[in-house]
Amino acid sequence: MSLTTFTPRQAERESPPVSTKAPTKVTTTSLQEKKRLGQPITAVTAYDYASARIIDEAGLDLILVGDSLAMVMQGQPNTLAITMDEMLLYTRGVRRAVRHALLVADMPFGSYHATPADGVANAIRFIKEAGAEAVKIEGPRIELVKQLTQAEIPVVGHLGLTPQSVHRMGGFKVQGKTIAAIDALREDALSLEAAGCCAIVLEGIPREAARLITDALDIPTIGIGAGPDCDGQILVLHDMLSLTFSPAAKFVRRYADLGAVMRDALTEYKRDVTARTFPSEAESYHLPHEARLLLATLHVGNEESTPLTKEHAPSI
């Protein structure tokens, strides 16, 4: 149906009714309940106020301020360069937009790798200074998870392809491809659950491994490149909207091509400015009628302009 024939009455018939009831706030407890009921968890990354507000208004369950912003927003080759101060800054912007979703922040490389005490101190900053409701850490850091849990900080674990381990892994490679590796991942997941994790992200592992781990846990799993059997799914927003510049991973589904939309819009804008058709008369501000008449009397022909003095200038 073309836009020229789409009427408001048709929109009322074809659009679902909008609920006036405020959405229920998502918490770690409600995520647990969704797993129990077999209801999939929806999650996506966000790095700025505008994106986070749209995601939240769309009703997704979880927003992650991921350290992937190093690659997506800063053009870095991996996630390692992003700092605590940068992560706090981005998380604060997202916090101001979010009302419904659970807000989780990635702890960046180096912020928890020295000692558990360092990790707890930095996690507290995410909660107090940036308004995060949980933090995400990579790897089976059992003692750190225990201490974070004792400090009343919800923790999301992350197993499989852990991007902060890119150098040790020799690149971004699928993990858990042997029976021994799957058993190790399962044991790590059970240990993280016992230590207090409220959920675990499973990234870049075979579907069969993700299903085995998901079935073994009482807490939800959230997959990214781990197949459809996890309790939820997460994607990087810029990947799913075609706003990245490298080939998409196998598991990324492109839901829109906003990159093409932006290029077309910018090309049209450049054309309009070059042709002096933007801004138009209707898009310009104007003096009141009396001021325009006075201005015309002061600027006659090609004579040098007479400056407007206080006595000449009307109040505008």
C-alpha atoms as a PDB file:
ATOM      1  CA  MET A   1       0.000   0.000   0.000  1.00  0.00           C
ATOM      2  CA  SER A   2       1.469   3.364  -0.965  1.00  0.00           C
ATOM      3  CA  LEU A   3       1.762   6.222   1.464  1.00  0.00           C
ATOM      4  CA  THR A   4      -0.508   8.354  -0.709  1.00  0.00           C
ATOM      5  CA  THR A   5      -3.439   5.970  -0.239  1.00  0.00           C
ATOM      6  CA  PHE A   6      -2.877   5.043   3.412  1.00  0.00           C
ATOM      7  CA  THR A   7      -5.514   6.837   5.451  1.00  0.00           C
ATOM      8  CA  PRO A   8      -5.712   7.335   9.218  1.00  0.00           C
ATOM      9  CA  ARG A   9      -8.827   5.155   9.344  1.00  0.00           C
ATOM     10  CA  GLN A  10      -6.951   2.327   7.654  1.00  0.00           C
ATOM     11  CA  ALA A  11      -4.113   2.817  10.112  1.00  0.00           C
ATOM     12  CA  GLU A  12      -6.558   2.350  12.970  1.00  0.00           C
ATOM     13  CA  ARG A  13      -7.787  -0.914  11.446  1.00  0.00           C
ATOM     14  CA  GLU A  14      -4.340  -2.296  10.616  1.00  0.00           C
ATOM     15  CA  SER A  15      -2.390  -1.220  13.684  1.00  0.00           C
ATOM     16  CA  PRO A  16      -2.790  -3.024  17.026  1.00  0.00           C
ATOM     17  CA  PRO A  17      -4.323  -0.988  19.837  1.00  0.00           C
ATOM     18  CA  VAL A  18      -1.806   0.926  21.918  1.00  0.00           C
ATOM     19  CA  SER A  19      -1.944   0.071  25.601  1.00  0.00           C
ATOM     20  CA  THR A  20      -2.078   3.012  27.977  1.00  0.00           C
ATOM     21  CA  LYS A  21      -0.843   0.810  30.825  1.00  0.00           C
ATOM     22  CA  ALA A  22       2.770   1.441  31.804  1.00  0.00           C
ATOM     23  CA  PRO A  23       4.970  -1.573  31.054  1.00  0.00           C
ATOM     24  CA  THR A  24       6.176  -3.627  33.986  1.00  0.00           C
ATOM     25  CA  LYS A  25       9.776  -2.923  34.949  1.00  0.00           C
ATOM     26  CA  VAL A  26      12.048  -5.803  33.994  1.00  0.00           C
ATOM     27  CA  THR A  27      14.212  -7.114  36.824  1.00  0.00           C
ATOM     28  CA  THR A  28      16.549 -10.038  37.325  1.00  0.00           C
ATOM     29  CA  THR A  29      13.663 -11.789  39.057  1.00  0.00           C
ATOM     30  CA  SER A  30      11.296 -11.287  36.135  1.00  0.00           C
ATOM     31  CA  LEU A  31      13.927 -12.683  33.755  1.00  0.00           C
ATOM     32  CA  GLN A  32      14.063 -15.791  35.924  1.00  0.00           C
ATOM     33  CA  GLU A  33      10.279 -16.027  35.725  1.00  0.00           C
ATOM     34  CA  LYS A  34      10.368 -15.774  31.935  1.00  0.00           C
ATOM     35  CA  LYS A  35      12.683 -18.779  31.820  1.00  0.00           C
ATOM     36  CA  ARG A  36      10.367 -20.718  34.115  1.00  0.00           C
ATOM     37  CA  LEU A  37       7.388 -19.938  31.875  1.00  0.00           C
ATOM     38  CA  GLY A  38       9.292 -20.623  28.663  1.00  0.00           C
ATOM     39  CA  GLN A  39       8.944 -17.020  27.463  1.00  0.00           C
ATOM     40  CA  PRO A  40      11.892 -15.864  25.308  1.00  0.00           C
ATOM     41  CA  ILE A  41      13.972 -12.936  26.554  1.00  0.00           C
ATOM     42  CA  THR A  42      14.698 -10.142  24.067  1.00  0.00           C
ATOM     43  CA  ALA A  43      17.891  -8.139  24.401  1.00  0.00           C
ATOM     44  CA  VAL A  44      19.946  -5.716  22.318  1.00  0.00           C
ATOM     45  CA  THR A  45      22.908  -3.388  22.767  1.00  0.00           C
ATOM     46  CA  ALA A  46      22.645   0.391  23.007  1.00  0.00           C
ATOM     47  CA  TYR A  47      25.296   3.058  23.377  1.00  0.00           C
ATOM     48  CA  ASP A  48      23.371   6.368  23.344  1.00  0.00           C
ATOM     49  CA  TYR A  49      20.221   8.039  24.629  1.00  0.00           C
ATOM     50  CA  ALA A  50      18.275   8.085  21.354  1.00  0.00           C
ATOM     51  CA  SER A  51      18.854   4.427  20.492  1.00  0.00           C
ATOM     52  CA  ALA A  52      18.143   3.294  24.040  1.00  0.00           C
ATOM     53  CA  ARG A  53      14.898   5.235  24.182  1.00  0.00           C
ATOM     54  CA  ILE A  54      13.628   3.633  20.969  1.00  0.00           C
ATOM     55  CA  ILE A  55      14.654   0.172  22.167  1.00  0.00           C
ATOM     56  CA  ASP A  56      12.959   0.702  25.513  1.00  0.00           C
ATOM     57  CA  GLU A  57       9.777   1.998  23.907  1.00  0.00           C
ATOM     58  CA  ALA A  58       9.757  -1.105  21.683  1.00  0.00           C
ATOM     59  CA  GLY A  59       9.422  -3.156  24.875  1.00  0.00           C
ATOM     60  CA  LEU A  60      12.603  -5.239  24.831  1.00  0.00           C
ATOM     61  CA  ASP A  61      13.536  -6.916  28.086  1.00  0.00           C
ATOM     62  CA  LEU A  62      17.223  -6.097  28.417  1.00  0.00           C
ATOM     63  CA  ILE A  63      19.552  -3.388  27.150  1.00  0.00           C
ATOM     64  CA  LEU A  64      23.288  -3.994  27.317  1.00  0.00           C
ATOM     65  CA  VAL A  65      25.766  -1.141  27.145  1.00  0.00           C
ATOM     66  CA  GLY A  66      28.351  -3.405  25.579  1.00  0.00           C
ATOM     67  CA  ASP A  67      32.074  -2.892  25.366  1.00  0.00           C
ATOM     68  CA  SER A  68      31.483  -3.612  21.672  1.00  0.00           C
ATOM     69  CA  LEU A  69      31.020   0.157  21.472  1.00  0.00           C
ATOM     70  CA  ALA A  70      34.819   0.258  21.120  1.00  0.00           C
ATOM     71  CA  MET A  71      34.379  -1.313  17.696  1.00  0.00           C
ATOM     72  CA  VAL A  72      30.965   0.081  16.734  1.00  0.00           C
ATOM     73  CA  MET A  73      31.282   3.676  17.965  1.00  0.00           C
ATOM     74  CA  GLN A  74      35.038   4.203  17.943  1.00  0.00           C
ATOM     75  CA  GLY A  75      36.232   2.026  15.057  1.00  0.00           C
ATOM     76  CA  GLN A  76      38.591  -0.067  17.170  1.00  0.00           C
ATOM     77  CA  PRO A  77      39.613  -3.549  15.901  1.00  0.00           C
ATOM     78  CA  ASN A  78      38.419  -5.205  19.127  1.00  0.00           C
ATOM     79  CA  THR A  79      36.885  -4.384  22.512  1.00  0.00           C
ATOM     80  CA  LEU A  80      40.087  -4.081  24.512  1.00  0.00           C
ATOM     81  CA  ALA A  81      40.753  -0.336  24.235  1.00  0.00           C
ATOM     82  CA  ILE A  82      37.582   0.972  25.874  1.00  0.00           C
ATOM     83  CA  THR A  83      38.113   2.435  29.363  1.00  0.00           C
ATOM     84  CA  MET A  84      36.086   2.520  32.558  1.00  0.00           C
ATOM     85  CA  ASP A  85      35.472   6.256  32.235  1.00  0.00           C
ATOM     86  CA  GLU A  86      34.211   5.831  28.671  1.00  0.00           C
ATOM     87  CA  MET A  87      31.910   2.957  29.657  1.00  0.00           C
ATOM     88  CA  LEU A  88      30.526   5.003  32.535  1.00  0.00           C
ATOM     89  CA  LEU A  89      29.889   7.957  30.219  1.00  0.00           C
ATOM     90  CA  TYR A  90      27.979   5.903  27.671  1.00  0.00           C
ATOM     91  CA  THR A  91      26.037   4.034  30.361  1.00  0.00           C
ATOM     92  CA  ARG A  92      24.871   7.305  31.937  1.00  0.00           C
ATOM     93  CA  GLY A  93      23.445   8.432  28.602  1.00  0.00           C
ATOM     94  CA  VAL A  94      21.568   5.173  28.123  1.00  0.00           C
ATOM     95  CA  ARG A  95      20.322   5.252  31.725  1.00  0.00           C
ATOM     96  CA  ARG A  96      18.436   8.491  31.112  1.00  0.00           C
ATOM     97  CA  ALA A  97      16.447   6.838  28.321  1.00  0.00           C
ATOM     98  CA  VAL A  98      15.478   3.556  29.959  1.00  0.00           C
ATOM     99  CA  ARG A  99      12.282   3.071  31.956  1.00  0.00           C
ATOM    100  CA  HIS A 100      11.233  -0.516  31.236  1.00  0.00           C
ATOM    101  CA  ALA A 101      14.208  -2.688  30.322  1.00  0.00           C
ATOM    102  CA  LEU A 102      16.831  -4.124  32.642  1.00  0.00           C
ATOM    103  CA  LEU A 103      20.000  -2.083  32.116  1.00  0.00           C
ATOM    104  CA  VAL A 104      23.225  -4.096  32.097  1.00  0.00           C
ATOM    105  CA  ALA A 105      26.716  -2.642  31.612  1.00  0.00           C
ATOM    106  CA  ASP A 106      29.787  -4.452  30.347  1.00  0.00           C
ATOM    107  CA  MET A 107      32.796  -4.247  32.598  1.00  0.00           C
ATOM    108  CA  PRO A 108      35.659  -3.379  30.236  1.00  0.00           C
ATOM    109  CA  PHE A 109      38.945  -5.206  29.863  1.00  0.00           C
ATOM    110  CA  GLY A 110      41.231  -4.443  32.792  1.00  0.00           C
ATOM    111  CA  SER A 111      38.490  -3.328  35.166  1.00  0.00           C
ATOM    112  CA  TYR A 112      38.255  -6.688  36.976  1.00  0.00           C
ATOM    113  CA  HIS A 113      41.262  -8.711  35.807  1.00  0.00           C
ATOM    114  CA  ALA A 114      43.770  -7.829  38.548  1.00  0.00           C
ATOM    115  CA  THR A 115      41.933  -8.686  41.765  1.00  0.00           C
ATOM    116  CA  PRO A 116      38.313  -9.342  42.780  1.00  0.00           C
ATOM    117  CA  ALA A 117      38.528  -6.231  44.963  1.00  0.00           C
ATOM    118  CA  ASP A 118      39.256  -4.121  41.882  1.00  0.00           C
ATOM    119  CA  GLY A 119      36.291  -5.708  40.145  1.00  0.00           C
ATOM    120  CA  VAL A 120      33.918  -4.980  43.024  1.00  0.00           C
ATOM    121  CA  ALA A 121      35.077  -1.366  43.262  1.00  0.00           C
ATOM    122  CA  ASN A 122      34.578  -0.787  39.545  1.00  0.00           C
ATOM    123  CA  ALA A 123      31.219  -2.571  39.518  1.00  0.00           C
ATOM    124  CA  ILE A 124      30.029  -0.309  42.322  1.00  0.00           C
ATOM    125  CA  ARG A 125      30.876   2.672  40.113  1.00  0.00           C
ATOM    126  CA  PHE A 126      28.578   1.316  37.391  1.00  0.00           C
ATOM    127  CA  ILE A 127      25.719   1.052  39.876  1.00  0.00           C
ATOM    128  CA  LYS A 128      26.279   4.327  41.765  1.00  0.00           C
ATOM    129  CA  GLU A 129      27.612   6.650  39.055  1.00  0.00           C
ATOM    130  CA  ALA A 130      25.996   5.325  35.884  1.00  0.00           C
ATOM    131  CA  GLY A 131      22.727   3.790  37.076  1.00  0.00           C
ATOM    132  CA  ALA A 132      23.319   0.273  35.776  1.00  0.00           C
ATOM    133  CA  GLU A 133      21.185  -2.461  37.328  1.00  0.00           C
ATOM    134  CA  ALA A 134      23.628  -5.291  36.652  1.00  0.00           C
ATOM    135  CA  VAL A 135      27.126  -5.762  35.289  1.00  0.00           C
ATOM    136  CA  LYS A 136      28.410  -8.315  32.796  1.00  0.00           C
ATOM    137  CA  ILE A 137      31.807  -9.989  33.099  1.00  0.00           C
ATOM    138  CA  GLU A 138      33.517 -12.460  30.776  1.00  0.00           C
ATOM    139  CA  GLY A 139      34.830 -15.875  31.724  1.00  0.00           C
ATOM    140  CA  PRO A 140      34.428 -18.213  34.700  1.00  0.00           C
ATOM    141  CA  ARG A 141      35.517 -15.733  37.373  1.00  0.00           C
ATOM    142  CA  ILE A 142      33.818 -17.530  40.207  1.00  0.00           C
ATOM    143  CA  GLU A 143      35.355 -15.692  43.186  1.00  0.00           C
ATOM    144  CA  LEU A 144      34.588 -12.316  41.614  1.00  0.00           C
ATOM    145  CA  VAL A 145      30.959 -13.293  41.014  1.00  0.00           C
ATOM    146  CA  LYS A 146      30.658 -14.408  44.641  1.00  0.00           C
ATOM    147  CA  GLN A 147      32.012 -11.095  45.916  1.00  0.00           C
ATOM    148  CA  LEU A 148      29.828  -9.052  43.564  1.00  0.00           C
ATOM    149  CA  THR A 149      26.776 -11.009  44.688  1.00  0.00           C
ATOM    150  CA  GLN A 150      27.696 -10.398  48.339  1.00  0.00           C
ATOM    151  CA  ALA A 151      27.943  -6.704  47.469  1.00  0.00           C
ATOM    152  CA  GLU A 152      24.317  -6.814  46.191  1.00  0.00           C
ATOM    153  CA  ILE A 153      25.365  -6.338  42.552  1.00  0.00           C
ATOM    154  CA  PRO A 154      23.579  -8.571  40.027  1.00  0.00           C
ATOM    155  CA  VAL A 155      25.998 -10.258  37.631  1.00  0.00           C
ATOM    156  CA  VAL A 156      25.475 -11.531  34.094  1.00  0.00           C
ATOM    157  CA  GLY A 157      28.106 -14.067  33.097  1.00  0.00           C
ATOM    158  CA  HIS A 158      29.539 -14.546  29.606  1.00  0.00           C
ATOM    159  CA  LEU A 159      30.953 -17.814  28.254  1.00  0.00           C
ATOM    160  CA  GLY A 160      32.045 -19.215  24.911  1.00  0.00           C
ATOM    161  CA  LEU A 161      33.542 -16.696  22.525  1.00  0.00           C
ATOM    162  CA  THR A 162      34.550 -14.004  24.992  1.00  0.00           C
ATOM    163  CA  PRO A 163      35.808 -10.996  22.978  1.00  0.00           C
ATOM    164  CA  GLN A 164      38.147  -9.785  25.720  1.00  0.00           C
ATOM    165  CA  SER A 165      40.045 -13.074  25.249  1.00  0.00           C
ATOM    166  CA  VAL A 166      40.571 -12.451  21.528  1.00  0.00           C
ATOM    167  CA  HIS A 167      44.361 -12.664  21.732  1.00  0.00           C
ATOM    168  CA  ARG A 168      44.354 -15.880  23.750  1.00  0.00           C
ATOM    169  CA  MET A 169      41.810 -17.446  21.409  1.00  0.00           C
ATOM    170  CA  GLY A 170      43.731 -16.371  18.332  1.00  0.00           C
ATOM    171  CA  GLY A 171      40.833 -14.373  16.927  1.00  0.00           C
ATOM    172  CA  PHE A 172      37.037 -14.366  17.025  1.00  0.00           C
ATOM    173  CA  LYS A 173      36.513 -18.126  16.701  1.00  0.00           C
ATOM    174  CA  VAL A 174      33.641 -20.448  17.560  1.00  0.00           C
ATOM    175  CA  GLN A 175      34.240 -22.198  20.899  1.00  0.00           C
ATOM    176  CA  GLY A 176      33.014 -25.489  22.370  1.00  0.00           C
ATOM    177  CA  LYS A 177      33.529 -27.634  19.312  1.00  0.00           C
ATOM    178  CA  THR A 178      34.636 -30.791  21.142  1.00  0.00           C
ATOM    179  CA  ILE A 179      32.966 -32.918  23.815  1.00  0.00           C
ATOM    180  CA  ALA A 180      35.653 -31.950  26.306  1.00  0.00           C
ATOM    181  CA  ALA A 181      35.194 -28.242  25.544  1.00  0.00           C
ATOM    182  CA  ILE A 182      31.410 -28.542  25.895  1.00  0.00           C
ATOM    183  CA  ASP A 183      31.796 -30.297  29.251  1.00  0.00           C
ATOM    184  CA  ALA A 184      34.097 -27.501  30.418  1.00  0.00           C
ATOM    185  CA  LEU A 185      31.618 -24.818  29.344  1.00  0.00           C
ATOM    186  CA  ARG A 186      28.791 -26.632  31.124  1.00  0.00           C
ATOM    187  CA  GLU A 187      30.809 -26.896  34.339  1.00  0.00           C
ATOM    188  CA  ASP A 188      31.762 -23.221  34.116  1.00  0.00           C
ATOM    189  CA  ALA A 189      28.107 -22.261  33.641  1.00  0.00           C
ATOM    190  CA  LEU A 190      27.004 -24.326  36.646  1.00  0.00           C
ATOM    191  CA  SER A 191      29.777 -22.776  38.745  1.00  0.00           C
ATOM    192  CA  LEU A 192      28.749 -19.258  37.714  1.00  0.00           C
ATOM    193  CA  GLU A 193      25.141 -20.027  38.607  1.00  0.00           C
ATOM    194  CA  ALA A 194      26.180 -21.382  42.019  1.00  0.00           C
ATOM    195  CA  ALA A 195      28.310 -18.284  42.601  1.00  0.00           C
ATOM    196  CA  GLY A 196      25.284 -16.014  42.062  1.00  0.00           C
ATOM    197  CA  CYS A 197      24.986 -15.062  38.377  1.00  0.00           C
ATOM    198  CA  CYS A 198      21.467 -14.012  37.414  1.00  0.00           C
ATOM    199  CA  ALA A 199      21.935 -14.916  33.727  1.00  0.00           C
ATOM    200  CA  ILE A 200      24.670 -16.053  31.344  1.00  0.00           C
ATOM    201  CA  VAL A 201      25.410 -14.876  27.811  1.00  0.00           C
ATOM    202  CA  LEU A 202      26.494 -17.724  25.531  1.00  0.00           C
ATOM    203  CA  GLU A 203      28.394 -16.461  22.503  1.00  0.00           C
ATOM    204  CA  GLY A 204      29.790 -18.234  19.464  1.00  0.00           C
ATOM    205  CA  ILE A 205      29.176 -21.856  20.442  1.00  0.00           C
ATOM    206  CA  PRO A 206      27.373 -24.714  18.623  1.00  0.00           C
ATOM    207  CA  ARG A 207      23.632 -24.921  19.047  1.00  0.00           C
ATOM    208  CA  GLU A 208      23.885 -28.335  20.646  1.00  0.00           C
ATOM    209  CA  ALA A 209      26.250 -27.055  23.338  1.00  0.00           C
ATOM    210  CA  ALA A 210      24.010 -24.073  24.079  1.00  0.00           C
ATOM    211  CA  ARG A 211      20.977 -26.320  24.450  1.00  0.00           C
ATOM    212  CA  LEU A 212      22.802 -28.627  26.861  1.00  0.00           C
ATOM    213  CA  ILE A 213      23.943 -25.687  29.002  1.00  0.00           C
ATOM    214  CA  THR A 214      20.527 -24.008  28.922  1.00  0.00           C
ATOM    215  CA  ASP A 215      18.810 -27.209  30.058  1.00  0.00           C
ATOM    216  CA  ALA A 216      21.310 -27.630  32.891  1.00  0.00           C
ATOM    217  CA  LEU A 217      20.747 -24.166  34.383  1.00  0.00           C
ATOM    218  CA  ASP A 218      17.943 -22.649  36.428  1.00  0.00           C
ATOM    219  CA  ILE A 219      19.041 -19.140  35.424  1.00  0.00           C
ATOM    220  CA  PRO A 220      18.389 -17.858  31.882  1.00  0.00           C
ATOM    221  CA  THR A 221      20.856 -18.084  29.036  1.00  0.00           C
ATOM    222  CA  ILE A 222      21.010 -15.350  26.394  1.00  0.00           C
ATOM    223  CA  GLY A 223      22.490 -16.387  23.092  1.00  0.00           C
ATOM    224  CA  ILE A 224      24.458 -14.535  20.466  1.00  0.00           C
ATOM    225  CA  GLY A 225      25.627 -16.918  17.792  1.00  0.00           C
ATOM    226  CA  ALA A 226      24.560 -19.848  19.977  1.00  0.00           C
ATOM    227  CA  GLY A 227      21.431 -21.066  18.205  1.00  0.00           C
ATOM    228  CA  PRO A 228      17.718 -20.791  19.003  1.00  0.00           C
ATOM    229  CA  ASP A 229      17.564 -22.965  22.119  1.00  0.00           C
ATOM    230  CA  CYS A 230      18.800 -20.345  24.588  1.00  0.00           C
ATOM    231  CA  ASP A 231      16.276 -18.646  26.851  1.00  0.00           C
ATOM    232  CA  GLY A 232      16.810 -15.355  25.018  1.00  0.00           C
ATOM    233  CA  GLN A 233      18.726 -13.670  22.224  1.00  0.00           C
ATOM    234  CA  ILE A 234      20.852 -10.537  21.955  1.00  0.00           C
ATOM    235  CA  LEU A 235      22.228  -8.699  18.924  1.00  0.00           C
ATOM    236  CA  VAL A 236      24.355  -5.612  18.480  1.00  0.00           C
ATOM    237  CA  LEU A 237      21.948  -2.877  17.367  1.00  0.00           C
ATOM    238  CA  HIS A 238      24.244  -1.544  14.659  1.00  0.00           C
ATOM    239  CA  ASP A 239      24.694  -5.032  13.205  1.00  0.00           C
ATOM    240  CA  MET A 240      20.968  -5.700  12.874  1.00  0.00           C
ATOM    241  CA  LEU A 241      20.349  -2.259  11.330  1.00  0.00           C
ATOM    242  CA  SER A 242      23.253  -2.440   8.824  1.00  0.00           C
ATOM    243  CA  LEU A 243      25.174   0.403  10.432  1.00  0.00           C
ATOM    244  CA  THR A 244      28.508  -1.417  10.494  1.00  0.00           C
ATOM    245  CA  PHE A 245      31.189  -1.549   7.829  1.00  0.00           C
ATOM    246  CA  SER A 246      32.491  -5.110   8.019  1.00  0.00           C
ATOM    247  CA  PRO A 247      30.823  -8.332   6.835  1.00  0.00           C
ATOM    248  CA  ALA A 248      28.143  -9.554   9.222  1.00  0.00           C
ATOM    249  CA  ALA A 249      28.721 -12.672  11.297  1.00  0.00           C
ATOM    250  CA  LYS A 250      26.753 -15.766  10.329  1.00  0.00           C
ATOM    251  CA  PHE A 251      24.295 -15.324  13.182  1.00  0.00           C
ATOM    252  CA  VAL A 252      23.415 -11.667  12.448  1.00  0.00           C
ATOM    253  CA  ARG A 253      20.055 -11.070  10.806  1.00  0.00           C
ATOM    254  CA  ARG A 254      19.744  -7.695   9.095  1.00  0.00           C
ATOM    255  CA  TYR A 255      16.340  -6.297  10.072  1.00  0.00           C
ATOM    256  CA  ALA A 256      16.801  -2.976   8.254  1.00  0.00           C
ATOM    257  CA  ASP A 257      19.342  -1.139   6.117  1.00  0.00           C
ATOM    258  CA  LEU A 258      19.567   2.173   7.906  1.00  0.00           C
ATOM    259  CA  GLY A 259      22.973   2.723   6.399  1.00  0.00           C
ATOM    260  CA  ALA A 260      21.399   2.981   2.940  1.00  0.00           C
ATOM    261  CA  VAL A 261      18.633   5.221   4.290  1.00  0.00           C
ATOM    262  CA  MET A 262      21.209   7.588   5.816  1.00  0.00           C
ATOM    263  CA  ARG A 263      23.322   7.703   2.659  1.00  0.00           C
ATOM    264  CA  ASP A 264      20.265   8.504   0.531  1.00  0.00           C
ATOM    265  CA  ALA A 265      19.151  11.217   2.943  1.00  0.00           C
ATOM    266  CA  LEU A 266      22.593  12.823   3.070  1.00  0.00           C
ATOM    267  CA  THR A 267      22.943  12.717  -0.710  1.00  0.00           C
ATOM    268  CA  GLU A 268      19.574  14.446  -1.078  1.00  0.00           C
ATOM    269  CA  TYR A 269      20.530  17.039   1.538  1.00  0.00           C
ATOM    270  CA  LYS A 270      23.779  17.804  -0.271  1.00  0.00           C
ATOM    271  CA  ARG A 271      21.888  18.175  -3.555  1.00  0.00           C
ATOM    272  CA  ASP A 272      19.352  20.576  -2.051  1.00  0.00           C
ATOM    273  CA  VAL A 273      21.995  22.755  -0.405  1.00  0.00           C
ATOM    274  CA  THR A 274      24.078  22.837  -3.586  1.00  0.00           C
ATOM    275  CA  ALA A 275      21.007  23.805  -5.632  1.00  0.00           C
ATOM    276  CA  ARG A 276      20.018  26.411  -2.990  1.00  0.00           C
ATOM    277  CA  THR A 277      16.615  24.796  -2.572  1.00  0.00           C
ATOM    278  CA  PHE A 278      17.271  24.274   1.141  1.00  0.00           C
ATOM    279  CA  PRO A 279      16.275  26.054   3.246  1.00  0.00           C
ATOM    280  CA  SER A 280      13.095  27.175   1.549  1.00  0.00           C
ATOM    281  CA  GLU A 281      11.124  30.348   2.227  1.00  0.00           C
ATOM    282  CA  ALA A 282       8.826  28.382   4.532  1.00  0.00           C
ATOM    283  CA  GLU A 283      11.836  27.010   6.433  1.00  0.00           C
ATOM    284  CA  SER A 284      13.283  30.484   7.075  1.00  0.00           C
ATOM    285  CA  TYR A 285      12.557  32.977   9.855  1.00  0.00           C
ATOM    286  CA  HIS A 286      11.338  36.490   8.884  1.00  0.00           C
ATOM    287  CA  LEU A 287      11.163  39.921  10.422  1.00  0.00           C
ATOM    288  CA  PRO A 288       7.742  41.275  11.280  1.00  0.00           C
ATOM    289  CA  HIS A 289       6.107  43.289   8.473  1.00  0.00           C
ATOM    290  CA  GLU A 290       6.936  46.710  10.034  1.00  0.00           C
ATOM    291  CA  ALA A 291      10.585  45.792  10.485  1.00  0.00           C
ATOM    292  CA  ARG A 292      10.840  44.610   6.885  1.00  0.00           C
ATOM    293  CA  LEU A 293       9.426  47.961   5.646  1.00  0.00           C
ATOM    294  CA  LEU A 294      11.879  49.899   7.769  1.00  0.00           C
ATOM    295  CA  LEU A 295      14.752  47.725   6.564  1.00  0.00           C
ATOM    296  CA  ALA A 296      13.738  48.397   2.956  1.00  0.00           C
ATOM    297  CA  THR A 297      13.899  52.167   3.482  1.00  0.00           C
ATOM    298  CA  LEU A 298      17.382  51.914   4.988  1.00  0.00           C
ATOM    299  CA  HIS A 299      18.824  49.757   2.196  1.00  0.00           C
ATOM    300  CA  VAL A 300      18.117  51.488  -1.098  1.00  0.00           C
ATOM    301  CA  GLY A 301      19.652  50.221  -4.282  1.00  0.00           C
ATOM    302  CA  ASN A 302      23.371  49.567  -4.080  1.00  0.00           C
ATOM    303  CA  GLU A 303      24.087  52.342  -1.624  1.00  0.00           C
ATOM    304  CA  GLU A 304      25.994  51.570   1.506  1.00  0.00           C
ATOM    305  CA  SER A 305      23.691  50.185   4.165  1.00  0.00           C
ATOM    306  CA  THR A 306      22.708  52.415   7.049  1.00  0.00           C
ATOM    307  CA  PRO A 307      22.948  50.555  10.363  1.00  0.00           C
ATOM    308  CA  LEU A 308      19.788  50.136  12.354  1.00  0.00           C
ATOM    309  CA  THR A 309      19.981  52.326  15.463  1.00  0.00           C
ATOM    310  CA  LYS A 310      17.988  51.824  18.613  1.00  0.00           C
ATOM    311  CA  GLU A 311      15.500  54.486  17.596  1.00  0.00           C
ATOM    312  CA  HIS A 312      15.009  52.872  14.182  1.00  0.00           C
ATOM    313  CA  ALA A 313      14.705  49.255  15.291  1.00  0.00           C
ATOM    314  CA  PRO A 314      11.255  48.063  16.358  1.00  0.00           C
ATOM    315  CA  SER A 315      10.908  45.491  19.103  1.00  0.00           C
ATOM    316  CA  ILE A 316      11.067  42.009  17.606  1.00  0.00           C
END
